[in-house]
Amino acid sequence: MSRIGKLPISVPSGVNVSINDNVVTVKGPKGTLTQYVDPRIVVDAKDGEVHVSRQQETREERALHGLYRSLVNNMVVGVSEGYKKTLELIGVGYRAANNGQILELSLGFTHPIYLQLPEEVKVETKMERNKAPIIILESADKQLLGQVCAKIRSFRKPEPYKGKGIRFEGEYIRRKSGKTAGK
């Protein structure tokens, strides 16, 4: 039996979970999220808890059991608390600014990069003297937030020699010694 799938999901007050034709809808103070659930997986909401179960013991259904339990749990946490990711821009002359939902990045290229962010993602940029620029992203949808962070990071991934690039706050970059290390 799936250890993750067996765990019940507690629904905090102010969050409403409804299930219609294999579509789970979660409404809360931070927004509304919907997720299609495979028909082989049964989702029940009662007494302030959501239970996810499966009908058979096939390998694929065991995998889907834990997956859909995690997806529904992420939706409940997202609409009640929300998710937040922080990105740091490490490098000389790297800058970030936002104008509404448009993020402008200066990453050492000959041109600035403009990225239109989805409406569900809130963006904030901070630039302080003698500190690396910071991009703070918040959203109720964990999957969408991860995709946006990955897209921003893909413009300039951290490189192992000087550590320059866009990285998550607190992320450890494994450094390599250059050619001069042997001398």
C-alpha atoms as a PDB file:
ATOM      1  CA  MET A   1       0.000   0.000   0.000  1.00  0.00           C
ATOM      2  CA  SER A   2       1.240   3.491  -0.783  1.00  0.00           C
ATOM      3  CA  ARG A   3       2.499   5.152   2.380  1.00  0.00           C
ATOM      4  CA  ILE A   4       1.912   8.619   0.994  1.00  0.00           C
ATOM      5  CA  GLY A   5      -1.446   7.732  -0.557  1.00  0.00           C
ATOM      6  CA  LYS A   6      -2.807   6.325   2.730  1.00  0.00           C
ATOM      7  CA  LEU A   7      -2.318   9.593   4.637  1.00  0.00           C
ATOM      8  CA  PRO A   8      -5.478  11.694   4.962  1.00  0.00           C
ATOM      9  CA  ILE A   9      -5.340  15.343   3.877  1.00  0.00           C
ATOM     10  CA  SER A  10      -6.631  17.694   6.568  1.00  0.00           C
ATOM     11  CA  VAL A  11      -8.617  20.606   5.129  1.00  0.00           C
ATOM     12  CA  PRO A  12      -8.135  23.871   7.075  1.00  0.00           C
ATOM     13  CA  SER A  13     -11.056  26.188   7.797  1.00  0.00           C
ATOM     14  CA  GLY A  14     -11.902  28.516   4.918  1.00  0.00           C
ATOM     15  CA  VAL A  15     -10.972  25.910   2.306  1.00  0.00           C
ATOM     16  CA  ASN A  16     -13.687  24.111   0.328  1.00  0.00           C
ATOM     17  CA  VAL A  17     -13.014  20.837  -1.539  1.00  0.00           C
ATOM     18  CA  SER A  18     -15.544  19.586  -4.112  1.00  0.00           C
ATOM     19  CA  ILE A  19     -15.358  16.529  -6.387  1.00  0.00           C
ATOM     20  CA  ASN A  20     -17.310  16.323  -9.675  1.00  0.00           C
ATOM     21  CA  ASP A  21     -16.761  13.649 -12.359  1.00  0.00           C
ATOM     22  CA  ASN A  22     -13.084  12.968 -11.530  1.00  0.00           C
ATOM     23  CA  VAL A  23     -12.290  16.695 -11.205  1.00  0.00           C
ATOM     24  CA  VAL A  24     -11.210  17.961  -7.779  1.00  0.00           C
ATOM     25  CA  THR A  25     -11.792  21.687  -7.169  1.00  0.00           C
ATOM     26  CA  VAL A  26     -10.244  23.405  -4.155  1.00  0.00           C
ATOM     27  CA  LYS A  27     -11.317  26.942  -3.216  1.00  0.00           C
ATOM     28  CA  GLY A  28      -9.643  29.040  -0.562  1.00  0.00           C
ATOM     29  CA  PRO A  29      -8.548  32.558   0.346  1.00  0.00           C
ATOM     30  CA  LYS A  30      -5.588  32.491  -2.116  1.00  0.00           C
ATOM     31  CA  GLY A  31      -7.612  31.312  -5.131  1.00  0.00           C
ATOM     32  CA  THR A  32      -9.202  28.321  -6.830  1.00  0.00           C
ATOM     33  CA  LEU A  33      -7.392  25.289  -8.280  1.00  0.00           C
ATOM     34  CA  THR A  34      -8.726  22.311 -10.220  1.00  0.00           C
ATOM     35  CA  GLN A  35      -7.141  18.945 -10.975  1.00  0.00           C
ATOM     36  CA  TYR A  36      -8.352  16.026 -13.088  1.00  0.00           C
ATOM     37  CA  VAL A  37      -8.020  12.681 -11.282  1.00  0.00           C
ATOM     38  CA  ASP A  38      -7.666   9.340 -13.082  1.00  0.00           C
ATOM     39  CA  PRO A  39     -10.924   7.310 -12.862  1.00  0.00           C
ATOM     40  CA  ARG A  40      -9.042   4.392 -11.247  1.00  0.00           C
ATOM     41  CA  ILE A  41      -8.364   6.595  -8.192  1.00  0.00           C
ATOM     42  CA  VAL A  42     -11.210   7.431  -5.772  1.00  0.00           C
ATOM     43  CA  VAL A  43     -11.188  10.757  -3.905  1.00  0.00           C
ATOM     44  CA  ASP A  44     -13.595  11.321  -0.981  1.00  0.00           C
ATOM     45  CA  ALA A  45     -14.020  14.543   1.016  1.00  0.00           C
ATOM     46  CA  LYS A  46     -15.781  14.255   4.373  1.00  0.00           C
ATOM     47  CA  ASP A  47     -15.424  15.477   7.975  1.00  0.00           C
ATOM     48  CA  GLY A  48     -12.748  18.058   7.127  1.00  0.00           C
ATOM     49  CA  GLU A  49     -10.468  15.459   5.538  1.00  0.00           C
ATOM     50  CA  VAL A  50      -9.803  14.217   2.026  1.00  0.00           C
ATOM     51  CA  HIS A  51      -9.077  10.500   1.509  1.00  0.00           C
ATOM     52  CA  VAL A  52      -7.527   9.087  -1.652  1.00  0.00           C
ATOM     53  CA  SER A  53      -7.861   5.365  -2.412  1.00  0.00           C
ATOM     54  CA  ARG A  54      -7.423   2.985  -5.334  1.00  0.00           C
ATOM     55  CA  GLN A  55      -9.573   0.166  -6.639  1.00  0.00           C
ATOM     56  CA  GLN A  56      -6.943  -2.427  -7.611  1.00  0.00           C
ATOM     57  CA  GLU A  57      -3.370  -3.325  -6.679  1.00  0.00           C
ATOM     58  CA  THR A  58      -1.643  -2.937 -10.056  1.00  0.00           C
ATOM     59  CA  ARG A  59       1.745  -1.274 -10.223  1.00  0.00           C
ATOM     60  CA  GLU A  60       0.426   1.733 -12.157  1.00  0.00           C
ATOM     61  CA  GLU A  61      -2.471   2.322  -9.763  1.00  0.00           C
ATOM     62  CA  ARG A  62      -0.130   2.207  -6.769  1.00  0.00           C
ATOM     63  CA  ALA A  63       1.989   4.928  -8.415  1.00  0.00           C
ATOM     64  CA  LEU A  64      -1.064   7.053  -9.276  1.00  0.00           C
ATOM     65  CA  HIS A  65      -2.386   6.684  -5.717  1.00  0.00           C
ATOM     66  CA  GLY A  66       0.540   8.561  -4.157  1.00  0.00           C
ATOM     67  CA  LEU A  67       0.743  11.017  -7.066  1.00  0.00           C
ATOM     68  CA  TYR A  68      -2.852  12.230  -6.840  1.00  0.00           C
ATOM     69  CA  ARG A  69      -2.722  12.391  -3.052  1.00  0.00           C
ATOM     70  CA  SER A  70       0.323  14.695  -3.333  1.00  0.00           C
ATOM     71  CA  LEU A  71      -1.307  16.823  -6.041  1.00  0.00           C
ATOM     72  CA  VAL A  72      -4.489  17.332  -3.988  1.00  0.00           C
ATOM     73  CA  ASN A  73      -2.429  18.087  -0.867  1.00  0.00           C
ATOM     74  CA  ASN A  74      -0.389  20.693  -2.808  1.00  0.00           C
ATOM     75  CA  MET A  75      -3.653  22.296  -3.960  1.00  0.00           C
ATOM     76  CA  VAL A  76      -5.012  22.495  -0.386  1.00  0.00           C
ATOM     77  CA  VAL A  77      -1.767  23.996   0.944  1.00  0.00           C
ATOM     78  CA  GLY A  78      -1.571  26.394  -2.023  1.00  0.00           C
ATOM     79  CA  VAL A  79      -5.031  27.921  -1.615  1.00  0.00           C
ATOM     80  CA  SER A  80      -4.649  28.216   2.170  1.00  0.00           C
ATOM     81  CA  GLU A  81      -0.997  29.304   2.629  1.00  0.00           C
ATOM     82  CA  GLY A  82       0.451  29.740  -0.862  1.00  0.00           C
ATOM     83  CA  TYR A  83       3.943  28.966  -2.148  1.00  0.00           C
ATOM     84  CA  LYS A  84       6.923  31.293  -2.343  1.00  0.00           C
ATOM     85  CA  LYS A  85      10.248  30.936  -4.205  1.00  0.00           C
ATOM     86  CA  THR A  86      13.199  33.305  -4.117  1.00  0.00           C
ATOM     87  CA  LEU A  87      15.793  33.564  -6.894  1.00  0.00           C
ATOM     88  CA  GLU A  88      19.170  35.338  -6.606  1.00  0.00           C
ATOM     89  CA  LEU A  89      21.068  36.850  -9.527  1.00  0.00           C
ATOM     90  CA  ILE A  90      24.788  36.345  -8.909  1.00  0.00           C
ATOM     91  CA  GLY A  91      27.053  38.208 -11.322  1.00  0.00           C
ATOM     92  CA  VAL A  92      28.522  41.614 -12.086  1.00  0.00           C
ATOM     93  CA  GLY A  93      25.932  43.894 -13.678  1.00  0.00           C
ATOM     94  CA  TYR A  94      23.035  41.448 -13.331  1.00  0.00           C
ATOM     95  CA  ARG A  95      19.780  43.320 -12.700  1.00  0.00           C
ATOM     96  CA  ALA A  96      16.089  42.506 -12.329  1.00  0.00           C
ATOM     97  CA  ALA A  97      13.069  44.815 -12.453  1.00  0.00           C
ATOM     98  CA  ASN A  98       9.367  44.247 -12.863  1.00  0.00           C
ATOM     99  CA  ASN A  99       6.663  46.381 -14.394  1.00  0.00           C
ATOM    100  CA  GLY A 100       3.399  44.682 -13.439  1.00  0.00           C
ATOM    101  CA  GLN A 101       3.592  41.108 -14.737  1.00  0.00           C
ATOM    102  CA  ILE A 102       6.536  41.801 -17.055  1.00  0.00           C
ATOM    103  CA  LEU A 103       9.932  40.824 -15.638  1.00  0.00           C
ATOM    104  CA  GLU A 104      12.981  42.574 -17.140  1.00  0.00           C
ATOM    105  CA  LEU A 105      16.328  40.836 -16.675  1.00  0.00           C
ATOM    106  CA  SER A 106      19.823  42.141 -17.488  1.00  0.00           C
ATOM    107  CA  LEU A 107      22.087  39.084 -17.459  1.00  0.00           C
ATOM    108  CA  GLY A 108      25.222  40.162 -19.289  1.00  0.00           C
ATOM    109  CA  PHE A 109      23.815  39.726 -22.784  1.00  0.00           C
ATOM    110  CA  THR A 110      23.752  42.567 -25.332  1.00  0.00           C
ATOM    111  CA  HIS A 111      20.007  42.926 -24.822  1.00  0.00           C
ATOM    112  CA  PRO A 112      17.622  42.800 -21.840  1.00  0.00           C
ATOM    113  CA  ILE A 113      15.294  39.811 -21.485  1.00  0.00           C
ATOM    114  CA  TYR A 114      11.578  40.482 -21.024  1.00  0.00           C
ATOM    115  CA  LEU A 115       9.369  37.710 -19.622  1.00  0.00           C
ATOM    116  CA  GLN A 116       5.569  37.934 -19.409  1.00  0.00           C
ATOM    117  CA  LEU A 117       4.504  36.118 -16.237  1.00  0.00           C
ATOM    118  CA  PRO A 118       1.103  34.430 -15.783  1.00  0.00           C
ATOM    119  CA  GLU A 119      -1.560  36.314 -13.798  1.00  0.00           C
ATOM    120  CA  GLU A 120      -1.542  33.623 -11.070  1.00  0.00           C
ATOM    121  CA  VAL A 121       2.082  34.408 -10.165  1.00  0.00           C
ATOM    122  CA  LYS A 122       2.893  37.523  -8.139  1.00  0.00           C
ATOM    123  CA  VAL A 123       6.382  38.918  -8.682  1.00  0.00           C
ATOM    124  CA  GLU A 124       8.514  41.289  -6.625  1.00  0.00           C
ATOM    125  CA  THR A 125      12.096  42.360  -7.257  1.00  0.00           C
ATOM    126  CA  LYS A 126      14.587  43.777  -4.762  1.00  0.00           C
ATOM    127  CA  MET A 127      17.847  45.478  -5.608  1.00  0.00           C
ATOM    128  CA  GLU A 128      19.954  46.696  -2.690  1.00  0.00           C
ATOM    129  CA  ARG A 129      23.434  48.154  -2.783  1.00  0.00           C
ATOM    130  CA  ASN A 130      26.236  45.589  -2.299  1.00  0.00           C
ATOM    131  CA  LYS A 131      23.753  42.701  -2.414  1.00  0.00           C
ATOM    132  CA  ALA A 132      22.672  40.400  -5.207  1.00  0.00           C
ATOM    133  CA  PRO A 133      19.356  41.282  -6.901  1.00  0.00           C
ATOM    134  CA  ILE A 134      16.473  39.114  -5.703  1.00  0.00           C
ATOM    135  CA  ILE A 135      13.313  37.957  -7.477  1.00  0.00           C
ATOM    136  CA  ILE A 136      10.465  36.820  -5.182  1.00  0.00           C
ATOM    137  CA  LEU A 137       7.682  34.776  -6.802  1.00  0.00           C
ATOM    138  CA  GLU A 138       4.447  33.793  -5.040  1.00  0.00           C
ATOM    139  CA  SER A 139       1.536  31.665  -6.214  1.00  0.00           C
ATOM    140  CA  ALA A 140      -1.117  29.226  -5.034  1.00  0.00           C
ATOM    141  CA  ASP A 141      -0.224  26.775  -7.830  1.00  0.00           C
ATOM    142  CA  LYS A 142       2.994  24.929  -6.919  1.00  0.00           C
ATOM    143  CA  GLN A 143       3.426  23.390 -10.368  1.00  0.00           C
ATOM    144  CA  LEU A 144       3.038  26.698 -12.235  1.00  0.00           C
ATOM    145  CA  LEU A 145       5.421  28.420  -9.808  1.00  0.00           C
ATOM    146  CA  GLY A 146       8.068  25.746 -10.410  1.00  0.00           C
ATOM    147  CA  GLN A 147       7.710  26.088 -14.182  1.00  0.00           C
ATOM    148  CA  VAL A 148       8.107  29.877 -14.041  1.00  0.00           C
ATOM    149  CA  CYS A 149      11.181  29.550 -11.791  1.00  0.00           C
ATOM    150  CA  ALA A 150      12.712  26.991 -14.149  1.00  0.00           C
ATOM    151  CA  LYS A 151      12.091  29.289 -17.134  1.00  0.00           C
ATOM    152  CA  ILE A 152      13.758  32.261 -15.397  1.00  0.00           C
ATOM    153  CA  ARG A 153      16.669  30.087 -14.279  1.00  0.00           C
ATOM    154  CA  SER A 154      17.154  28.724 -17.820  1.00  0.00           C
ATOM    155  CA  PHE A 155      18.216  32.184 -19.073  1.00  0.00           C
ATOM    156  CA  ARG A 156      21.493  31.945 -17.102  1.00  0.00           C
ATOM    157  CA  LYS A 157      22.090  28.736 -15.144  1.00  0.00           C
ATOM    158  CA  PRO A 158      24.722  28.868 -12.372  1.00  0.00           C
ATOM    159  CA  GLU A 159      28.098  27.871 -13.723  1.00  0.00           C
ATOM    160  CA  PRO A 160      30.556  25.829 -11.606  1.00  0.00           C
ATOM    161  CA  TYR A 161      33.706  27.973 -11.972  1.00  0.00           C
ATOM    162  CA  LYS A 162      32.688  31.392 -10.614  1.00  0.00           C
ATOM    163  CA  GLY A 163      29.164  30.533  -9.469  1.00  0.00           C
ATOM    164  CA  LYS A 164      27.589  33.227 -11.659  1.00  0.00           C
ATOM    165  CA  GLY A 165      23.994  32.852 -12.796  1.00  0.00           C
ATOM    166  CA  ILE A 166      20.460  32.641 -11.437  1.00  0.00           C
ATOM    167  CA  ARG A 167      20.048  30.346  -8.454  1.00  0.00           C
ATOM    168  CA  PHE A 168      17.498  29.606  -5.764  1.00  0.00           C
ATOM    169  CA  GLU A 169      18.092  31.261  -2.414  1.00  0.00           C
ATOM    170  CA  GLY A 170      20.237  29.003  -0.255  1.00  0.00           C
ATOM    171  CA  GLU A 171      21.123  26.673  -3.146  1.00  0.00           C
ATOM    172  CA  TYR A 172      24.609  25.161  -3.009  1.00  0.00           C
ATOM    173  CA  ILE A 173      26.575  25.253  -6.250  1.00  0.00           C
ATOM    174  CA  ARG A 174      29.352  22.676  -6.435  1.00  0.00           C
ATOM    175  CA  ARG A 175      32.440  24.574  -7.513  1.00  0.00           C
ATOM    176  CA  LYS A 176      35.227  23.332  -9.772  1.00  0.00           C
ATOM    177  CA  SER A 177      38.811  24.447  -9.661  1.00  0.00           C
ATOM    178  CA  GLY A 178      40.012  25.960 -12.930  1.00  0.00           C
ATOM    179  CA  LYS A 179      43.150  25.245 -14.952  1.00  0.00           C
ATOM    180  CA  THR A 180      45.374  27.134 -12.531  1.00  0.00           C
ATOM    181  CA  ALA A 181      44.518  24.882  -9.555  1.00  0.00           C
ATOM    182  CA  GLY A 182      47.372  22.439 -10.249  1.00  0.00           C
ATOM    183  CA  LYS A 183      50.079  25.127 -10.114  1.00  0.00           C
END
